[in-house]
PDB file of N, CA and C in Angstrom:
ATOM      1  N   MET A   1       1.585  -8.483  21.760  1.00  0.00           N
ATOM      2  CA  MET A   1       1.166  -7.640  20.664  1.00  0.00           C
ATOM      3  C   MET A   1       2.368  -7.344  19.780  1.00  0.00           C
ATOM      4  N   LYS A   2       2.187  -7.451  18.468  1.00  0.00           N
ATOM      5  CA  LYS A   2       3.261  -7.180  17.524  1.00  0.00           C
ATOM      6  C   LYS A   2       3.250  -5.704  17.154  1.00  0.00           C
ATOM      7  N   THR A   3       4.415  -5.087  17.157  1.00  0.00           N
ATOM      8  CA  THR A   3       4.515  -3.685  16.772  1.00  0.00           C
ATOM      9  C   THR A   3       5.292  -3.584  15.471  1.00  0.00           C
ATOM     10  N   SER A   4       5.118  -2.485  14.780  1.00  0.00           N
ATOM     11  CA  SER A   4       5.748  -2.274  13.481  1.00  0.00           C
ATOM     12  C   SER A   4       6.909  -1.302  13.611  1.00  0.00           C
ATOM     13  N   THR A   5       7.916  -1.469  12.744  1.00  0.00           N
ATOM     14  CA  THR A   5       9.050  -0.550  12.730  1.00  0.00           C
ATOM     15  C   THR A   5       8.998   0.375  11.525  1.00  0.00           C
ATOM     16  N   ILE A   6       7.900   0.360  10.785  1.00  0.00           N
ATOM     17  CA  ILE A   6       7.760   1.232   9.618  1.00  0.00           C
ATOM     18  C   ILE A   6       7.633   2.671  10.093  1.00  0.00           C
ATOM     19  N   GLU A   7       8.404   3.549   9.468  1.00  0.00           N
ATOM     20  CA  GLU A   7       8.349   4.958   9.836  1.00  0.00           C
ATOM     21  C   GLU A   7       7.570   5.736   8.800  1.00  0.00           C
ATOM     22  N   GLY A   8       6.824   6.684   9.250  1.00  0.00           N
ATOM     23  CA  GLY A   8       6.027   7.532   8.379  1.00  0.00           C
ATOM     24  C   GLY A   8       4.911   8.154   9.170  1.00  0.00           C
ATOM     25  N   ASN A   9       4.200   9.045   8.543  1.00  0.00           N
ATOM     26  CA  ASN A   9       3.070   9.691   9.190  1.00  0.00           C
ATOM     27  C   ASN A   9       1.846   8.799   9.074  1.00  0.00           C
ATOM     28  N   ILE A  10       1.123   8.645  10.155  1.00  0.00           N
ATOM     29  CA  ILE A  10      -0.134   7.898  10.099  1.00  0.00           C
ATOM     30  C   ILE A  10      -1.166   8.827   9.477  1.00  0.00           C
ATOM     31  N   VAL A  11      -1.694   8.424   8.315  1.00  0.00           N
ATOM     32  CA  VAL A  11      -2.650   9.270   7.611  1.00  0.00           C
ATOM     33  C   VAL A  11      -4.094   8.816   7.828  1.00  0.00           C
ATOM     34  N   GLU A  12      -4.293   7.574   8.223  1.00  0.00           N
ATOM     35  CA  GLU A  12      -5.618   7.047   8.561  1.00  0.00           C
ATOM     36  C   GLU A  12      -5.453   6.003   9.647  1.00  0.00           C
ATOM     37  N   GLU A  13      -6.439   5.888  10.486  1.00  0.00           N
ATOM     38  CA  GLU A  13      -6.427   4.857  11.516  1.00  0.00           C
ATOM     39  C   GLU A  13      -7.846   4.334  11.682  1.00  0.00           C
ATOM     40  N   TYR A  14      -7.979   3.011  11.645  1.00  0.00           N
ATOM     41  CA  TYR A  14      -9.277   2.361  11.770  1.00  0.00           C
ATOM     42  C   TYR A  14      -9.233   1.379  12.922  1.00  0.00           C
ATOM     43  N   LYS A  15     -10.358   1.172  13.557  1.00  0.00           N
ATOM     44  CA  LYS A  15     -10.460   0.162  14.607  1.00  0.00           C
ATOM     45  C   LYS A  15     -11.628  -0.741  14.234  1.00  0.00           C
ATOM     46  N   ILE A  16     -11.327  -2.030  14.072  1.00  0.00           N
ATOM     47  CA  ILE A  16     -12.331  -3.038  13.764  1.00  0.00           C
ATOM     48  C   ILE A  16     -12.244  -4.077  14.880  1.00  0.00           C
ATOM     49  N   GLY A  17     -13.233  -4.083  15.744  1.00  0.00           N
ATOM     50  CA  GLY A  17     -13.171  -4.977  16.895  1.00  0.00           C
ATOM     51  C   GLY A  17     -11.961  -4.635  17.745  1.00  0.00           C
ATOM     52  N   ASN A  18     -11.121  -5.620  18.013  1.00  0.00           N
ATOM     53  CA  ASN A  18      -9.910  -5.408  18.807  1.00  0.00           C
ATOM     54  C   ASN A  18      -8.692  -5.087  17.950  1.00  0.00           C
ATOM     55  N   THR A  19      -8.893  -4.935  16.644  1.00  0.00           N
ATOM     56  CA  THR A  19      -7.786  -4.705  15.724  1.00  0.00           C
ATOM     57  C   THR A  19      -7.700  -3.230  15.350  1.00  0.00           C
ATOM     58  N   THR A  20      -6.495  -2.682  15.407  1.00  0.00           N
ATOM     59  CA  THR A  20      -6.259  -1.309  14.970  1.00  0.00           C
ATOM     60  C   THR A  20      -5.445  -1.360  13.682  1.00  0.00           C
ATOM     61  N   ILE A  21      -5.939  -0.682  12.658  1.00  0.00           N
ATOM     62  CA  ILE A  21      -5.263  -0.621  11.359  1.00  0.00           C
ATOM     63  C   ILE A  21      -4.777   0.797  11.157  1.00  0.00           C
ATOM     64  N   LYS A  22      -3.483   0.933  10.923  1.00  0.00           N
ATOM     65  CA  LYS A  22      -2.892   2.252  10.708  1.00  0.00           C
ATOM     66  C   LYS A  22      -2.337   2.317   9.297  1.00  0.00           C
ATOM     67  N   ILE A  23      -2.743   3.327   8.561  1.00  0.00           N
ATOM     68  CA  ILE A  23      -2.264   3.549   7.195  1.00  0.00           C
ATOM     69  C   ILE A  23      -1.217   4.659   7.253  1.00  0.00           C
ATOM     70  N   CYS A  24       0.004   4.324   6.812  1.00  0.00           N
ATOM     71  CA  CYS A  24       1.107   5.287   6.846  1.00  0.00           C
ATOM     72  C   CYS A  24       1.484   5.725   5.430  1.00  0.00           C
ATOM     73  N   ASP A  25       2.129   6.851   5.350  1.00  0.00           N
ATOM     74  CA  ASP A  25       2.598   7.362   4.062  1.00  0.00           C
ATOM     75  C   ASP A  25       4.050   7.000   3.787  1.00  0.00           C
ATOM     76  N   SER A  26       4.590   6.018   4.502  1.00  0.00           N
ATOM     77  CA  SER A  26       6.010   5.689   4.390  1.00  0.00           C
ATOM     78  C   SER A  26       6.423   5.230   2.992  1.00  0.00           C
ATOM     79  N   ALA A  27       5.496   4.650   2.234  1.00  0.00           N
ATOM     80  CA  ALA A  27       5.829   4.203   0.878  1.00  0.00           C
ATOM     81  C   ALA A  27       6.110   5.397  -0.036  1.00  0.00           C
ATOM     82  N   TYR A  28       5.573   6.558   0.313  1.00  0.00           N
ATOM     83  CA  TYR A  28       5.726   7.740  -0.526  1.00  0.00           C
ATOM     84  C   TYR A  28       6.618   8.805   0.093  1.00  0.00           C
ATOM     85  N   LYS A  29       7.091   8.550   1.309  1.00  0.00           N
ATOM     86  CA  LYS A  29       7.931   9.528   2.000  1.00  0.00           C
ATOM     87  C   LYS A  29       9.225   9.739   1.214  1.00  0.00           C
ATOM     88  N   ASP A  30       9.570  10.974   0.985  1.00  0.00           N
ATOM     89  CA  ASP A  30      10.798  11.365   0.280  1.00  0.00           C
ATOM     90  C   ASP A  30      10.829  10.883  -1.171  1.00  0.00           C
ATOM     91  N   LYS A  31       9.673  10.698  -1.796  1.00  0.00           N
ATOM     92  CA  LYS A  31       9.600  10.277  -3.200  1.00  0.00           C
ATOM     93  C   LYS A  31       9.192  11.460  -4.071  1.00  0.00           C
ATOM     94  N   THR A  32       9.713  11.491  -5.284  1.00  0.00           N
ATOM     95  CA  THR A  32       9.327  12.525  -6.234  1.00  0.00           C
ATOM     96  C   THR A  32       7.998  12.136  -6.874  1.00  0.00           C
ATOM     97  N   PRO A  33       7.309  13.077  -7.496  1.00  0.00           N
ATOM     98  CA  PRO A  33       6.074  12.721  -8.209  1.00  0.00           C
ATOM     99  C   PRO A  33       6.313  11.637  -9.267  1.00  0.00           C
ATOM    100  N   GLU A  34       7.485  11.651  -9.892  1.00  0.00           N
ATOM    101  CA  GLU A  34       7.809  10.634 -10.888  1.00  0.00           C
ATOM    102  C   GLU A  34       7.958   9.259 -10.237  1.00  0.00           C
ATOM    103  N   ASP A  35       8.591   9.217  -9.072  1.00  0.00           N
ATOM    104  CA  ASP A  35       8.727   7.957  -8.332  1.00  0.00           C
ATOM    105  C   ASP A  35       7.348   7.398  -7.977  1.00  0.00           C
ATOM    106  N   ILE A  36       6.480   8.259  -7.492  1.00  0.00           N
ATOM    107  CA  ILE A  36       5.133   7.834  -7.111  1.00  0.00           C
ATOM    108  C   ILE A  36       4.383   7.309  -8.320  1.00  0.00           C
ATOM    109  N   GLU A  37       4.509   7.978  -9.452  1.00  0.00           N
ATOM    110  CA  GLU A  37       3.845   7.529 -10.677  1.00  0.00           C
ATOM    111  C   GLU A  37       4.343   6.147 -11.086  1.00  0.00           C
ATOM    112  N   ARG A  38       5.660   5.914 -10.977  1.00  0.00           N
ATOM    113  CA  ARG A  38       6.216   4.588 -11.301  1.00  0.00           C
ATOM    114  C   ARG A  38       5.686   3.520 -10.353  1.00  0.00           C
ATOM    115  N   ILE A  39       5.596   3.844  -9.073  1.00  0.00           N
ATOM    116  CA  ILE A  39       5.073   2.899  -8.082  1.00  0.00           C
ATOM    117  C   ILE A  39       3.634   2.535  -8.420  1.00  0.00           C
ATOM    118  N   LEU A  40       2.805   3.542  -8.679  1.00  0.00           N
ATOM    119  CA  LEU A  40       1.393   3.286  -8.987  1.00  0.00           C
ATOM    120  C   LEU A  40       1.227   2.507 -10.290  1.00  0.00           C
ATOM    121  N   LYS A  41       2.069   2.798 -11.279  1.00  0.00           N
ATOM    122  CA  LYS A  41       2.009   2.063 -12.546  1.00  0.00           C
ATOM    123  C   LYS A  41       2.368   0.601 -12.329  1.00  0.00           C
ATOM    124  N   ARG A  42       3.376   0.344 -11.512  1.00  0.00           N
ATOM    125  CA  ARG A  42       3.789  -1.038 -11.222  1.00  0.00           C
ATOM    126  C   ARG A  42       2.681  -1.795 -10.486  1.00  0.00           C
ATOM    127  N   ILE A  43       2.036  -1.144  -9.535  1.00  0.00           N
ATOM    128  CA  ILE A  43       0.909  -1.766  -8.825  1.00  0.00           C
ATOM    129  C   ILE A  43      -0.204  -2.111  -9.807  1.00  0.00           C
ATOM    130  N   MET A  44      -0.497  -1.197 -10.733  1.00  0.00           N
ATOM    131  CA  MET A  44      -1.534  -1.438 -11.729  1.00  0.00           C
ATOM    132  C   MET A  44      -1.161  -2.626 -12.621  1.00  0.00           C
ATOM    133  N   GLU A  45       0.089  -2.705 -13.051  1.00  0.00           N
ATOM    134  CA  GLU A  45       0.524  -3.813 -13.904  1.00  0.00           C
ATOM    135  C   GLU A  45       0.385  -5.155 -13.185  1.00  0.00           C
ATOM    136  N   ILE A  46       0.754  -5.178 -11.921  1.00  0.00           N
ATOM    137  CA  ILE A  46       0.626  -6.414 -11.133  1.00  0.00           C
ATOM    138  C   ILE A  46      -0.845  -6.808 -11.024  1.00  0.00           C
ATOM    139  N   GLY A  47      -1.705  -5.839 -10.736  1.00  0.00           N
ATOM    140  CA  GLY A  47      -3.136  -6.110 -10.623  1.00  0.00           C
ATOM    141  C   GLY A  47      -3.727  -6.637 -11.926  1.00  0.00           C
ATOM    142  N   ILE A  48      -3.322  -6.070 -13.045  1.00  0.00           N
ATOM    143  CA  ILE A  48      -3.815  -6.522 -14.350  1.00  0.00           C
ATOM    144  C   ILE A  48      -3.373  -7.950 -14.618  1.00  0.00           C
ATOM    145  N   ARG A  49      -2.113  -8.278 -14.319  1.00  0.00           N
ATOM    146  CA  ARG A  49      -1.632  -9.658 -14.524  1.00  0.00           C
ATOM    147  C   ARG A  49      -2.430 -10.646 -13.685  1.00  0.00           C
ATOM    148  N   ILE A  50      -2.698 -10.300 -12.437  1.00  0.00           N
ATOM    149  CA  ILE A  50      -3.471 -11.183 -11.562  1.00  0.00           C
ATOM    150  C   ILE A  50      -4.884 -11.354 -12.114  1.00  0.00           C
ATOM    151  N   TYR A  51      -5.503 -10.263 -12.533  1.00  0.00           N
ATOM    152  CA  TYR A  51      -6.857 -10.311 -13.094  1.00  0.00           C
ATOM    153  C   TYR A  51      -6.886 -11.190 -14.343  1.00  0.00           C
ATOM    154  N   GLU A  52      -5.931 -10.989 -15.239  1.00  0.00           N
ATOM    155  CA  GLU A  52      -5.889 -11.782 -16.471  1.00  0.00           C
ATOM    156  C   GLU A  52      -5.697 -13.265 -16.165  1.00  0.00           C
ATOM    157  N   LYS A  53      -4.854 -13.566 -15.193  1.00  0.00           N
ATOM    158  CA  LYS A  53      -4.630 -14.961 -14.815  1.00  0.00           C
ATOM    159  C   LYS A  53      -5.928 -15.585 -14.274  1.00  0.00           C
ATOM    160  N   GLU A  54      -6.645 -14.840 -13.448  1.00  0.00           N
ATOM    161  CA  GLU A  54      -7.907 -15.327 -12.900  1.00  0.00           C
ATOM    162  C   GLU A  54      -8.948 -15.551 -14.005  1.00  0.00           C
ATOM    163  N   MET A  55      -8.949 -14.702 -15.006  1.00  0.00           N
ATOM    164  CA  MET A  55      -9.923 -14.822 -16.087  1.00  0.00           C
ATOM    165  C   MET A  55      -9.651 -16.056 -16.946  1.00  0.00           C
ATOM    166  N   LYS A  56      -8.366 -16.453 -17.055  1.00  0.00           N
ATOM    167  CA  LYS A  56      -8.015 -17.625 -17.836  1.00  0.00           C
ATOM    168  C   LYS A  56      -8.403 -18.920 -17.150  1.00  0.00           C
ATOM    169  N   GLU A  57      -8.453 -18.905 -15.824  1.00  0.00           N
ATOM    170  CA  GLU A  57      -8.747 -20.137 -15.070  1.00  0.00           C
ATOM    171  C   GLU A  57     -10.212 -20.409 -14.983  1.00  0.00           C
TER     172      GLU A  57
END
């Protein structure tokens, strides 16, 4: 079994069959609201680029 070294609080945990999915807040740990806003904006920009690329094909 592979274990993770990511540190953070587990905020959600799901079990699907034999698989356990743990959602951690490590991406936002020790971040300011401005940092979080930049992260979310970057994720949105990446998603839009992928969507636009798919629409062109």
